[in-house]
Amino acid sequence: VQLQASGGGLVQAGGSLRLSCKASGINFRLHAMAWYRQDPGKQRDLVAHITSDHTTTYADSVKGRFTISRDNVRNTVYLQMNSLKPEDTARYYCYTTRQGIDYWGKGTQVTVSS
């Protein structure tokens, strides 16, 4: 299983970014996907989750600003991030699990300047 994330960058507060994560090695449409984020020295926290039937959940800190979605034809999960804040600065990781094994992408850095 490989998860390749992209779309991070530097943006000013109030701006937007869209992260993408392309999955390979799994039957993508059958698997839940998620985005996590982590600051150096801190734990990795769940940002958003989407099930195989497109049910979504969000961390309270991003509700109303972030949207997770998936394209089962392109085997890709997205994270649309609007109204970005400096506290959203982190490395964002794509995640899935298969047969009890956790899989993580290498992450993409998001930096929000004030």
PDB file of N, CA and C in Angstrom:
ATOM      1  N   VAL A   1       0.846  -1.178   0.000  1.00  0.00           N
ATOM      2  CA  VAL A   1       0.000   0.000   0.000  1.00  0.00           C
ATOM      3  C   VAL A   1       0.888   1.236   0.000  1.00  0.00           C
ATOM      4  N   GLN A   2       0.586   2.159  -0.895  1.00  0.00           N
ATOM      5  CA  GLN A   2       1.314   3.432  -0.924  1.00  0.00           C
ATOM      6  C   GLN A   2       0.319   4.579  -0.926  1.00  0.00           C
ATOM      7  N   LEU A   3       0.641   5.604  -0.139  1.00  0.00           N
ATOM      8  CA  LEU A   3      -0.175   6.809  -0.053  1.00  0.00           C
ATOM      9  C   LEU A   3       0.726   7.985  -0.383  1.00  0.00           C
ATOM     10  N   GLN A   4       0.400   8.695  -1.437  1.00  0.00           N
ATOM     11  CA  GLN A   4       1.226   9.808  -1.899  1.00  0.00           C
ATOM     12  C   GLN A   4       0.445  11.105  -1.750  1.00  0.00           C
ATOM     13  N   ALA A   5       0.866  11.906  -0.772  1.00  0.00           N
ATOM     14  CA  ALA A   5       0.187  13.174  -0.490  1.00  0.00           C
ATOM     15  C   ALA A   5       0.885  14.326  -1.204  1.00  0.00           C
ATOM     16  N   SER A   6       0.100  15.310  -1.559  1.00  0.00           N
ATOM     17  CA  SER A   6       0.634  16.514  -2.193  1.00  0.00           C
ATOM     18  C   SER A   6      -0.301  17.682  -1.920  1.00  0.00           C
ATOM     19  N   GLY A   7       0.162  18.890  -2.271  1.00  0.00           N
ATOM     20  CA  GLY A   7      -0.693  20.056  -2.179  1.00  0.00           C
ATOM     21  C   GLY A   7      -0.377  21.006  -1.043  1.00  0.00           C
ATOM     22  N   GLY A   8       0.566  20.655  -0.185  1.00  0.00           N
ATOM     23  CA  GLY A   8       0.918  21.549   0.891  1.00  0.00           C
ATOM     24  C   GLY A   8       1.674  22.762   0.391  1.00  0.00           C
ATOM     25  N   GLY A   9       1.922  23.705   1.300  1.00  0.00           N
ATOM     26  CA  GLY A   9       2.657  24.899   0.929  1.00  0.00           C
ATOM     27  C   GLY A   9       2.532  25.967   1.972  1.00  0.00           C
ATOM     28  N   LEU A  10       2.960  27.158   1.588  1.00  0.00           N
ATOM     29  CA  LEU A  10       2.906  28.335   2.456  1.00  0.00           C
ATOM     30  C   LEU A  10       1.750  29.215   2.005  1.00  0.00           C
ATOM     31  N   VAL A  11       0.910  29.610   2.956  1.00  0.00           N
ATOM     32  CA  VAL A  11      -0.254  30.431   2.631  1.00  0.00           C
ATOM     33  C   VAL A  11      -0.483  31.423   3.763  1.00  0.00           C
ATOM     34  N   GLN A  12      -1.053  32.552   3.444  1.00  0.00           N
ATOM     35  CA  GLN A  12      -1.369  33.535   4.470  1.00  0.00           C
ATOM     36  C   GLN A  12      -2.644  33.144   5.205  1.00  0.00           C
ATOM     37  N   ALA A  13      -2.756  33.619   6.412  1.00  0.00           N
ATOM     38  CA  ALA A  13      -3.975  33.382   7.188  1.00  0.00           C
ATOM     39  C   ALA A  13      -5.194  33.862   6.401  1.00  0.00           C
ATOM     40  N   GLY A  14      -6.248  33.027   6.436  1.00  0.00           N
ATOM     41  CA  GLY A  14      -7.448  33.324   5.666  1.00  0.00           C
ATOM     42  C   GLY A  14      -7.465  32.690   4.292  1.00  0.00           C
ATOM     43  N   GLY A  15      -6.339  32.160   3.875  1.00  0.00           N
ATOM     44  CA  GLY A  15      -6.233  31.555   2.564  1.00  0.00           C
ATOM     45  C   GLY A  15      -6.706  30.115   2.544  1.00  0.00           C
ATOM     46  N   SER A  16      -6.526  29.481   1.382  1.00  0.00           N
ATOM     47  CA  SER A  16      -7.000  28.115   1.174  1.00  0.00           C
ATOM     48  C   SER A  16      -5.917  27.257   0.543  1.00  0.00           C
ATOM     49  N   LEU A  17      -5.999  25.973   0.818  1.00  0.00           N
ATOM     50  CA  LEU A  17      -5.165  24.968   0.166  1.00  0.00           C
ATOM     51  C   LEU A  17      -6.007  23.714  -0.021  1.00  0.00           C
ATOM     52  N   ARG A  18      -5.662  22.913  -1.027  1.00  0.00           N
ATOM     53  CA  ARG A  18      -6.300  21.610  -1.192  1.00  0.00           C
ATOM     54  C   ARG A  18      -5.219  20.531  -1.217  1.00  0.00           C
ATOM     55  N   LEU A  19      -5.310  19.630  -0.273  1.00  0.00           N
ATOM     56  CA  LEU A  19      -4.392  18.493  -0.227  1.00  0.00           C
ATOM     57  C   LEU A  19      -5.000  17.327  -0.987  1.00  0.00           C
ATOM     58  N   SER A  20      -4.124  16.544  -1.605  1.00  0.00           N
ATOM     59  CA  SER A  20      -4.541  15.332  -2.316  1.00  0.00           C
ATOM     60  C   SER A  20      -3.722  14.166  -1.809  1.00  0.00           C
ATOM     61  N   CYS A  21      -4.310  13.001  -1.811  1.00  0.00           N
ATOM     62  CA  CYS A  21      -3.594  11.780  -1.434  1.00  0.00           C
ATOM     63  C   CYS A  21      -4.045  10.660  -2.365  1.00  0.00           C
ATOM     64  N   LYS A  22      -3.130  10.213  -3.200  1.00  0.00           N
ATOM     65  CA  LYS A  22      -3.433   9.132  -4.125  1.00  0.00           C
ATOM     66  C   LYS A  22      -2.990   7.810  -3.523  1.00  0.00           C
ATOM     67  N   ALA A  23      -3.888   6.860  -3.490  1.00  0.00           N
ATOM     68  CA  ALA A  23      -3.613   5.552  -2.899  1.00  0.00           C
ATOM     69  C   ALA A  23      -3.398   4.507  -3.973  1.00  0.00           C
ATOM     70  N   SER A  24      -2.511   3.571  -3.701  1.00  0.00           N
ATOM     71  CA  SER A  24      -2.300   2.435  -4.579  1.00  0.00           C
ATOM     72  C   SER A  24      -2.068   1.198  -3.716  1.00  0.00           C
ATOM     73  N   GLY A  25      -2.353   0.033  -4.300  1.00  0.00           N
ATOM     74  CA  GLY A  25      -2.137  -1.202  -3.561  1.00  0.00           C
ATOM     75  C   GLY A  25      -3.302  -1.639  -2.703  1.00  0.00           C
ATOM     76  N   ILE A  26      -4.419  -0.910  -2.781  1.00  0.00           N
ATOM     77  CA  ILE A  26      -5.621  -1.291  -2.053  1.00  0.00           C
ATOM     78  C   ILE A  26      -6.816  -1.143  -2.981  1.00  0.00           C
ATOM     79  N   ASN A  27      -7.911  -1.828  -2.617  1.00  0.00           N
ATOM     80  CA  ASN A  27      -9.177  -1.622  -3.309  1.00  0.00           C
ATOM     81  C   ASN A  27      -9.802  -0.370  -2.686  1.00  0.00           C
ATOM     82  N   PHE A  28      -9.405   0.764  -3.229  1.00  0.00           N
ATOM     83  CA  PHE A  28      -9.626   2.063  -2.587  1.00  0.00           C
ATOM     84  C   PHE A  28     -11.071   2.268  -2.155  1.00  0.00           C
ATOM     85  N   ARG A  29     -12.019   1.912  -2.997  1.00  0.00           N
ATOM     86  CA  ARG A  29     -13.420   2.244  -2.716  1.00  0.00           C
ATOM     87  C   ARG A  29     -13.945   1.534  -1.467  1.00  0.00           C
ATOM     88  N   LEU A  30     -13.251   0.497  -1.018  1.00  0.00           N
ATOM     89  CA  LEU A  30     -13.720  -0.269   0.135  1.00  0.00           C
ATOM     90  C   LEU A  30     -13.152   0.234   1.467  1.00  0.00           C
ATOM     91  N   HIS A  31     -12.229   1.199   1.391  1.00  0.00           N
ATOM     92  CA  HIS A  31     -11.494   1.583   2.594  1.00  0.00           C
ATOM     93  C   HIS A  31     -11.807   2.995   3.042  1.00  0.00           C
ATOM     94  N   ALA A  32     -11.966   3.151   4.367  1.00  0.00           N
ATOM     95  CA  ALA A  32     -12.019   4.487   4.938  1.00  0.00           C
ATOM     96  C   ALA A  32     -10.655   5.140   4.805  1.00  0.00           C
ATOM     97  N   MET A  33     -10.667   6.460   4.702  1.00  0.00           N
ATOM     98  CA  MET A  33      -9.445   7.244   4.589  1.00  0.00           C
ATOM     99  C   MET A  33      -9.496   8.382   5.593  1.00  0.00           C
ATOM    100  N   ALA A  34      -8.336   8.896   5.949  1.00  0.00           N
ATOM    101  CA  ALA A  34      -8.304   9.990   6.916  1.00  0.00           C
ATOM    102  C   ALA A  34      -7.094  10.879   6.678  1.00  0.00           C
ATOM    103  N   TRP A  35      -7.209  12.080   7.200  1.00  0.00           N
ATOM    104  CA  TRP A  35      -6.079  13.009   7.278  1.00  0.00           C
ATOM    105  C   TRP A  35      -5.770  13.277   8.742  1.00  0.00           C
ATOM    106  N   TYR A  36      -4.494  13.227   9.068  1.00  0.00           N
ATOM    107  CA  TYR A  36      -3.988  13.591  10.381  1.00  0.00           C
ATOM    108  C   TYR A  36      -2.991  14.731  10.203  1.00  0.00           C
ATOM    109  N   ARG A  37      -2.678  15.396  11.316  1.00  0.00           N
ATOM    110  CA  ARG A  37      -1.623  16.391  11.273  1.00  0.00           C
ATOM    111  C   ARG A  37      -0.798  16.330  12.544  1.00  0.00           C
ATOM    112  N   GLN A  38       0.436  16.808  12.409  1.00  0.00           N
ATOM    113  CA  GLN A  38       1.370  16.721  13.528  1.00  0.00           C
ATOM    114  C   GLN A  38       2.349  17.872  13.498  1.00  0.00           C
ATOM    115  N   ASP A  39       2.497  18.503  14.665  1.00  0.00           N
ATOM    116  CA  ASP A  39       3.563  19.482  14.866  1.00  0.00           C
ATOM    117  C   ASP A  39       4.759  18.741  15.443  1.00  0.00           C
ATOM    118  N   PRO A  40       5.976  19.224  15.189  1.00  0.00           N
ATOM    119  CA  PRO A  40       7.158  18.578  15.780  1.00  0.00           C
ATOM    120  C   PRO A  40       7.041  18.506  17.308  1.00  0.00           C
ATOM    121  N   GLY A  41       7.299  17.346  17.864  1.00  0.00           N
ATOM    122  CA  GLY A  41       7.265  17.173  19.307  1.00  0.00           C
ATOM    123  C   GLY A  41       5.884  16.952  19.886  1.00  0.00           C
ATOM    124  N   LYS A  42       4.879  16.916  19.023  1.00  0.00           N
ATOM    125  CA  LYS A  42       3.511  16.724  19.501  1.00  0.00           C
ATOM    126  C   LYS A  42       2.929  15.455  18.904  1.00  0.00           C
ATOM    127  N   GLN A  43       1.802  15.023  19.435  1.00  0.00           N
ATOM    128  CA  GLN A  43       1.175  13.822  18.913  1.00  0.00           C
ATOM    129  C   GLN A  43       0.486  14.107  17.584  1.00  0.00           C
ATOM    130  N   ARG A  44       0.265  13.026  16.850  1.00  0.00           N
ATOM    131  CA  ARG A  44      -0.421  13.150  15.576  1.00  0.00           C
ATOM    132  C   ARG A  44      -1.929  13.114  15.841  1.00  0.00           C
ATOM    133  N   ASP A  45      -2.636  14.124  15.364  1.00  0.00           N
ATOM    134  CA  ASP A  45      -4.061  14.263  15.645  1.00  0.00           C
ATOM    135  C   ASP A  45      -4.914  14.067  14.401  1.00  0.00           C
ATOM    136  N   LEU A  46      -6.074  13.460  14.592  1.00  0.00           N
ATOM    137  CA  LEU A  46      -7.026  13.284  13.498  1.00  0.00           C
ATOM    138  C   LEU A  46      -7.603  14.630  13.097  1.00  0.00           C
ATOM    139  N   VAL A  47      -7.625  14.892  11.803  1.00  0.00           N
ATOM    140  CA  VAL A  47      -8.226  16.119  11.269  1.00  0.00           C
ATOM    141  C   VAL A  47      -9.593  15.806  10.671  1.00  0.00           C
ATOM    142  N   ALA A  48      -9.654  14.792   9.804  1.00  0.00           N
ATOM    143  CA  ALA A  48     -10.900  14.451   9.124  1.00  0.00           C
ATOM    144  C   ALA A  48     -10.845  13.003   8.684  1.00  0.00           C
ATOM    145  N   HIS A  49     -12.039  12.413   8.585  1.00  0.00           N
ATOM    146  CA  HIS A  49     -12.158  10.989   8.259  1.00  0.00           C
ATOM    147  C   HIS A  49     -13.320  10.818   7.298  1.00  0.00           C
ATOM    148  N   ILE A  50     -13.171   9.901   6.346  1.00  0.00           N
ATOM    149  CA  ILE A  50     -14.259   9.625   5.415  1.00  0.00           C
ATOM    150  C   ILE A  50     -14.361   8.115   5.231  1.00  0.00           C
ATOM    151  N   THR A  51     -15.577   7.597   5.381  1.00  0.00           N
ATOM    152  CA  THR A  51     -15.785   6.164   5.239  1.00  0.00           C
ATOM    153  C   THR A  51     -15.941   5.785   3.767  1.00  0.00           C
ATOM    154  N   SER A  52     -16.067   4.491   3.526  1.00  0.00           N
ATOM    155  CA  SER A  52     -16.242   4.019   2.148  1.00  0.00           C
ATOM    156  C   SER A  52     -17.560   4.496   1.554  1.00  0.00           C
ATOM    157  N   ASP A  53     -18.544   4.787   2.417  1.00  0.00           N
ATOM    158  CA  ASP A  53     -19.821   5.291   1.898  1.00  0.00           C
ATOM    159  C   ASP A  53     -19.911   6.805   2.029  1.00  0.00           C
ATOM    160  N   HIS A  54     -18.769   7.465   2.181  1.00  0.00           N
ATOM    161  CA  HIS A  54     -18.644   8.927   2.148  1.00  0.00           C
ATOM    162  C   HIS A  54     -19.159   9.632   3.392  1.00  0.00           C
ATOM    163  N   THR A  55     -19.369   8.916   4.478  1.00  0.00           N
ATOM    164  CA  THR A  55     -19.689   9.573   5.739  1.00  0.00           C
ATOM    165  C   THR A  55     -18.435  10.244   6.282  1.00  0.00           C
ATOM    166  N   THR A  56     -18.578  11.502   6.715  1.00  0.00           N
ATOM    167  CA  THR A  56     -17.412  12.271   7.143  1.00  0.00           C
ATOM    168  C   THR A  56     -17.508  12.685   8.610  1.00  0.00           C
ATOM    169  N   THR A  57     -16.351  12.801   9.238  1.00  0.00           N
ATOM    170  CA  THR A  57     -16.240  13.359  10.580  1.00  0.00           C
ATOM    171  C   THR A  57     -15.029  14.274  10.612  1.00  0.00           C
ATOM    172  N   TYR A  58     -15.077  15.246  11.531  1.00  0.00           N
ATOM    173  CA  TYR A  58     -14.038  16.272  11.596  1.00  0.00           C
ATOM    174  C   TYR A  58     -13.648  16.559  13.040  1.00  0.00           C
ATOM    175  N   ALA A  59     -12.402  16.957  13.217  1.00  0.00           N
ATOM    176  CA  ALA A  59     -11.992  17.514  14.494  1.00  0.00           C
ATOM    177  C   ALA A  59     -12.742  18.820  14.717  1.00  0.00           C
ATOM    178  N   ASP A  60     -13.067  19.105  15.972  1.00  0.00           N
ATOM    179  CA  ASP A  60     -13.813  20.330  16.269  1.00  0.00           C
ATOM    180  C   ASP A  60     -13.090  21.570  15.757  1.00  0.00           C
ATOM    181  N   SER A  61     -11.785  21.540  15.793  1.00  0.00           N
ATOM    182  CA  SER A  61     -10.998  22.721  15.432  1.00  0.00           C
ATOM    183  C   SER A  61     -11.083  23.076  13.949  1.00  0.00           C
ATOM    184  N   VAL A  62     -11.546  22.142  13.110  1.00  0.00           N
ATOM    185  CA  VAL A  62     -11.589  22.410  11.669  1.00  0.00           C
ATOM    186  C   VAL A  62     -13.003  22.376  11.104  1.00  0.00           C
ATOM    187  N   LYS A  63     -13.986  22.056  11.925  1.00  0.00           N
ATOM    188  CA  LYS A  63     -15.364  21.987  11.440  1.00  0.00           C
ATOM    189  C   LYS A  63     -15.792  23.314  10.831  1.00  0.00           C
ATOM    190  N   GLY A  64     -16.427  23.227   9.667  1.00  0.00           N
ATOM    191  CA  GLY A  64     -16.884  24.427   8.988  1.00  0.00           C
ATOM    192  C   GLY A  64     -15.833  25.088   8.120  1.00  0.00           C
ATOM    193  N   ARG A  65     -14.567  24.647   8.248  1.00  0.00           N
ATOM    194  CA  ARG A  65     -13.487  25.235   7.441  1.00  0.00           C
ATOM    195  C   ARG A  65     -12.865  24.212   6.481  1.00  0.00           C
ATOM    196  N   PHE A  66     -12.793  22.967   6.915  1.00  0.00           N
ATOM    197  CA  PHE A  66     -12.169  21.901   6.104  1.00  0.00           C
ATOM    198  C   PHE A  66     -13.239  20.959   5.581  1.00  0.00           C
ATOM    199  N   THR A  67     -12.983  20.406   4.408  1.00  0.00           N
ATOM    200  CA  THR A  67     -13.873  19.411   3.825  1.00  0.00           C
ATOM    201  C   THR A  67     -13.060  18.255   3.264  1.00  0.00           C
ATOM    202  N   ILE A  68     -13.377  17.056   3.711  1.00  0.00           N
ATOM    203  CA  ILE A  68     -12.744  15.861   3.176  1.00  0.00           C
ATOM    204  C   ILE A  68     -13.671  15.247   2.134  1.00  0.00           C
ATOM    205  N   SER A  69     -13.075  14.740   1.054  1.00  0.00           N
ATOM    206  CA  SER A  69     -13.862  14.104   0.006  1.00  0.00           C
ATOM    207  C   SER A  69     -13.003  13.023  -0.644  1.00  0.00           C
ATOM    208  N   ARG A  70     -13.648  12.210  -1.453  1.00  0.00           N
ATOM    209  CA  ARG A  70     -12.912  11.139  -2.110  1.00  0.00           C
ATOM    210  C   ARG A  70     -13.405  10.932  -3.527  1.00  0.00           C
ATOM    211  N   ASP A  71     -12.506  10.471  -4.385  1.00  0.00           N
ATOM    212  CA  ASP A  71     -12.814  10.139  -5.771  1.00  0.00           C
ATOM    213  C   ASP A  71     -12.398   8.689  -5.972  1.00  0.00           C
ATOM    214  N   ASN A  72     -13.378   7.802  -6.021  1.00  0.00           N
ATOM    215  CA  ASN A  72     -13.073   6.373  -6.110  1.00  0.00           C
ATOM    216  C   ASN A  72     -12.617   5.952  -7.505  1.00  0.00           C
ATOM    217  N   VAL A  73     -12.752   6.827  -8.489  1.00  0.00           N
ATOM    218  CA  VAL A  73     -12.218   6.530  -9.824  1.00  0.00           C
ATOM    219  C   VAL A  73     -10.719   6.835  -9.848  1.00  0.00           C
ATOM    220  N   ARG A  74     -10.344   7.939  -9.243  1.00  0.00           N
ATOM    221  CA  ARG A  74      -8.938   8.357  -9.208  1.00  0.00           C
ATOM    222  C   ARG A  74      -8.185   7.801  -8.009  1.00  0.00           C
ATOM    223  N   ASN A  75      -8.858   7.041  -7.136  1.00  0.00           N
ATOM    224  CA  ASN A  75      -8.223   6.489  -5.925  1.00  0.00           C
ATOM    225  C   ASN A  75      -7.563   7.593  -5.101  1.00  0.00           C
ATOM    226  N   THR A  76      -8.262   8.686  -4.954  1.00  0.00           N
ATOM    227  CA  THR A  76      -7.680   9.860  -4.320  1.00  0.00           C
ATOM    228  C   THR A  76      -8.632  10.421  -3.261  1.00  0.00           C
ATOM    229  N   VAL A  77      -8.063  10.824  -2.143  1.00  0.00           N
ATOM    230  CA  VAL A  77      -8.809  11.526  -1.108  1.00  0.00           C
ATOM    231  C   VAL A  77      -8.276  12.948  -1.035  1.00  0.00           C
ATOM    232  N   TYR A  78      -9.182  13.891  -0.797  1.00  0.00           N
ATOM    233  CA  TYR A  78      -8.832  15.303  -0.788  1.00  0.00           C
ATOM    234  C   TYR A  78      -9.135  15.920   0.577  1.00  0.00           C
ATOM    235  N   LEU A  79      -8.439  17.000   0.874  1.00  0.00           N
ATOM    236  CA  LEU A  79      -8.771  17.815   2.031  1.00  0.00           C
ATOM    237  C   LEU A  79      -8.747  19.269   1.584  1.00  0.00           C
ATOM    238  N   GLN A  80      -9.924  19.835   1.442  1.00  0.00           N
ATOM    239  CA  GLN A  80     -10.052  21.257   1.105  1.00  0.00           C
ATOM    240  C   GLN A  80     -10.000  22.045   2.402  1.00  0.00           C
ATOM    241  N   MET A  81      -9.052  22.958   2.491  1.00  0.00           N
ATOM    242  CA  MET A  81      -8.848  23.728   3.718  1.00  0.00           C
ATOM    243  C   MET A  81      -9.060  25.201   3.412  1.00  0.00           C
ATOM    244  N   ASN A  82     -10.088  25.778   4.011  1.00  0.00           N
ATOM    245  CA  ASN A  82     -10.412  27.184   3.832  1.00  0.00           C
ATOM    246  C   ASN A  82     -10.235  27.940   5.144  1.00  0.00           C
ATOM    247  N   SER A  83     -10.177  29.243   5.050  1.00  0.00           N
ATOM    248  CA  SER A  83     -10.045  30.109   6.237  1.00  0.00           C
ATOM    249  C   SER A  83      -8.920  29.609   7.137  1.00  0.00           C
ATOM    250  N   LEU A  84      -7.788  29.362   6.540  1.00  0.00           N
ATOM    251  CA  LEU A  84      -6.675  28.793   7.286  1.00  0.00           C
ATOM    252  C   LEU A  84      -6.165  29.754   8.357  1.00  0.00           C
ATOM    253  N   LYS A  85      -5.733  29.160   9.466  1.00  0.00           N
ATOM    254  CA  LYS A  85      -5.228  29.911  10.610  1.00  0.00           C
ATOM    255  C   LYS A  85      -3.777  29.490  10.883  1.00  0.00           C
ATOM    256  N   PRO A  86      -2.998  30.337  11.536  1.00  0.00           N
ATOM    257  CA  PRO A  86      -1.621  29.938  11.869  1.00  0.00           C
ATOM    258  C   PRO A  86      -1.554  28.636  12.661  1.00  0.00           C
ATOM    259  N   GLU A  87      -2.555  28.383  13.481  1.00  0.00           N
ATOM    260  CA  GLU A  87      -2.547  27.142  14.270  1.00  0.00           C
ATOM    261  C   GLU A  87      -2.822  25.899  13.434  1.00  0.00           C
ATOM    262  N   ASP A  88      -3.165  26.065  12.159  1.00  0.00           N
ATOM    263  CA  ASP A  88      -3.290  24.918  11.254  1.00  0.00           C
ATOM    264  C   ASP A  88      -1.933  24.471  10.716  1.00  0.00           C
ATOM    265  N   THR A  89      -0.903  25.237  10.993  1.00  0.00           N
ATOM    266  CA  THR A  89       0.434  24.875  10.537  1.00  0.00           C
ATOM    267  C   THR A  89       0.845  23.528  11.121  1.00  0.00           C
ATOM    268  N   ALA A  90       1.213  22.601  10.247  1.00  0.00           N
ATOM    269  CA  ALA A  90       1.593  21.249  10.659  1.00  0.00           C
ATOM    270  C   ALA A  90       1.979  20.456   9.419  1.00  0.00           C
ATOM    271  N   ARG A  91       2.464  19.264   9.655  1.00  0.00           N
ATOM    272  CA  ARG A  91       2.645  18.311   8.561  1.00  0.00           C
ATOM    273  C   ARG A  91       1.397  17.443   8.532  1.00  0.00           C
ATOM    274  N   TYR A  92       0.810  17.330   7.359  1.00  0.00           N
ATOM    275  CA  TYR A  92      -0.451  16.616   7.188  1.00  0.00           C
ATOM    276  C   TYR A  92      -0.172  15.245   6.558  1.00  0.00           C
ATOM    277  N   TYR A  93      -0.772  14.227   7.174  1.00  0.00           N
ATOM    278  CA  TYR A  93      -0.541  12.841   6.756  1.00  0.00           C
ATOM    279  C   TYR A  93      -1.844  12.183   6.320  1.00  0.00           C
ATOM    280  N   CYS A  94      -1.758  11.447   5.243  1.00  0.00           N
ATOM    281  CA  CYS A  94      -2.855  10.619   4.766  1.00  0.00           C
ATOM    282  C   CYS A  94      -2.751   9.254   5.452  1.00  0.00           C
ATOM    283  N   TYR A  95      -3.897   8.661   5.758  1.00  0.00           N
ATOM    284  CA  TYR A  95      -3.910   7.410   6.518  1.00  0.00           C
ATOM    285  C   TYR A  95      -5.013   6.483   6.025  1.00  0.00           C
ATOM    286  N   THR A  96      -4.698   5.182   6.051  1.00  0.00           N
ATOM    287  CA  THR A  96      -5.718   4.165   5.898  1.00  0.00           C
ATOM    288  C   THR A  96      -5.259   2.915   6.628  1.00  0.00           C
ATOM    289  N   THR A  97      -6.151   1.967   6.731  1.00  0.00           N
ATOM    290  CA  THR A  97      -5.814   0.712   7.382  1.00  0.00           C
ATOM    291  C   THR A  97      -6.387  -0.431   6.544  1.00  0.00           C
ATOM    292  N   ARG A  98      -5.665  -1.520   6.513  1.00  0.00           N
ATOM    293  CA  ARG A  98      -6.104  -2.701   5.786  1.00  0.00           C
ATOM    294  C   ARG A  98      -5.670  -3.941   6.539  1.00  0.00           C
ATOM    295  N   GLN A  99      -6.609  -4.800   6.811  1.00  0.00           N
ATOM    296  CA  GLN A  99      -6.327  -6.064   7.507  1.00  0.00           C
ATOM    297  C   GLN A  99      -5.550  -5.822   8.794  1.00  0.00           C
ATOM    298  N   GLY A 100      -5.944  -4.789   9.523  1.00  0.00           N
ATOM    299  CA  GLY A 100      -5.352  -4.509  10.815  1.00  0.00           C
ATOM    300  C   GLY A 100      -4.011  -3.815  10.777  1.00  0.00           C
ATOM    301  N   ILE A 101      -3.540  -3.463   9.600  1.00  0.00           N
ATOM    302  CA  ILE A 101      -2.256  -2.774   9.476  1.00  0.00           C
ATOM    303  C   ILE A 101      -2.501  -1.319   9.092  1.00  0.00           C
ATOM    304  N   ASP A 102      -1.832  -0.408   9.789  1.00  0.00           N
ATOM    305  CA  ASP A 102      -1.957   1.018   9.519  1.00  0.00           C
ATOM    306  C   ASP A 102      -0.963   1.435   8.434  1.00  0.00           C
ATOM    307  N   TYR A 103      -1.425   2.277   7.541  1.00  0.00           N
ATOM    308  CA  TYR A 103      -0.570   2.803   6.472  1.00  0.00           C
ATOM    309  C   TYR A 103      -0.610   4.326   6.499  1.00  0.00           C
ATOM    310  N   TRP A 104       0.573   4.921   6.415  1.00  0.00           N
ATOM    311  CA  TRP A 104       0.714   6.371   6.426  1.00  0.00           C
ATOM    312  C   TRP A 104       1.481   6.829   5.192  1.00  0.00           C
ATOM    313  N   GLY A 105       1.041   7.972   4.657  1.00  0.00           N
ATOM    314  CA  GLY A 105       1.848   8.619   3.648  1.00  0.00           C
ATOM    315  C   GLY A 105       2.991   9.372   4.318  1.00  0.00           C
ATOM    316  N   LYS A 106       3.881   9.935   3.496  1.00  0.00           N
ATOM    317  CA  LYS A 106       5.039  10.657   4.044  1.00  0.00           C
ATOM    318  C   LYS A 106       4.664  12.046   4.523  1.00  0.00           C
ATOM    319  N   GLY A 107       3.495  12.512   4.164  1.00  0.00           N
ATOM    320  CA  GLY A 107       3.055  13.805   4.649  1.00  0.00           C
ATOM    321  C   GLY A 107       3.401  14.943   3.725  1.00  0.00           C
ATOM    322  N   THR A 108       2.675  16.034   3.934  1.00  0.00           N
ATOM    323  CA  THR A 108       2.922  17.263   3.188  1.00  0.00           C
ATOM    324  C   THR A 108       2.811  18.430   4.163  1.00  0.00           C
ATOM    325  N   GLN A 109       3.756  19.357   4.069  1.00  0.00           N
ATOM    326  CA  GLN A 109       3.828  20.454   5.037  1.00  0.00           C
ATOM    327  C   GLN A 109       2.880  21.589   4.653  1.00  0.00           C
ATOM    328  N   VAL A 110       2.121  22.038   5.642  1.00  0.00           N
ATOM    329  CA  VAL A 110       1.262  23.217   5.492  1.00  0.00           C
ATOM    330  C   VAL A 110       1.740  24.261   6.488  1.00  0.00           C
ATOM    331  N   THR A 111       2.059  25.443   5.984  1.00  0.00           N
ATOM    332  CA  THR A 111       2.496  26.538   6.833  1.00  0.00           C
ATOM    333  C   THR A 111       1.606  27.744   6.577  1.00  0.00           C
ATOM    334  N   VAL A 112       0.988  28.252   7.649  1.00  0.00           N
ATOM    335  CA  VAL A 112       0.083  29.388   7.539  1.00  0.00           C
ATOM    336  C   VAL A 112       0.718  30.571   8.267  1.00  0.00           C
ATOM    337  N   SER A 113       0.975  31.623   7.536  1.00  0.00           N
ATOM    338  CA  SER A 113       1.606  32.803   8.129  1.00  0.00           C
ATOM    339  C   SER A 113       0.531  33.791   8.590  1.00  0.00           C
ATOM    340  N   SER A 114       0.854  34.495   9.667  1.00  0.00           N
ATOM    341  CA  SER A 114      -0.124  35.459  10.221  1.00  0.00           C
ATOM    342  C   SER A 114       0.029  36.814   9.597  1.00  0.00           C
TER     343      SER A 114
END
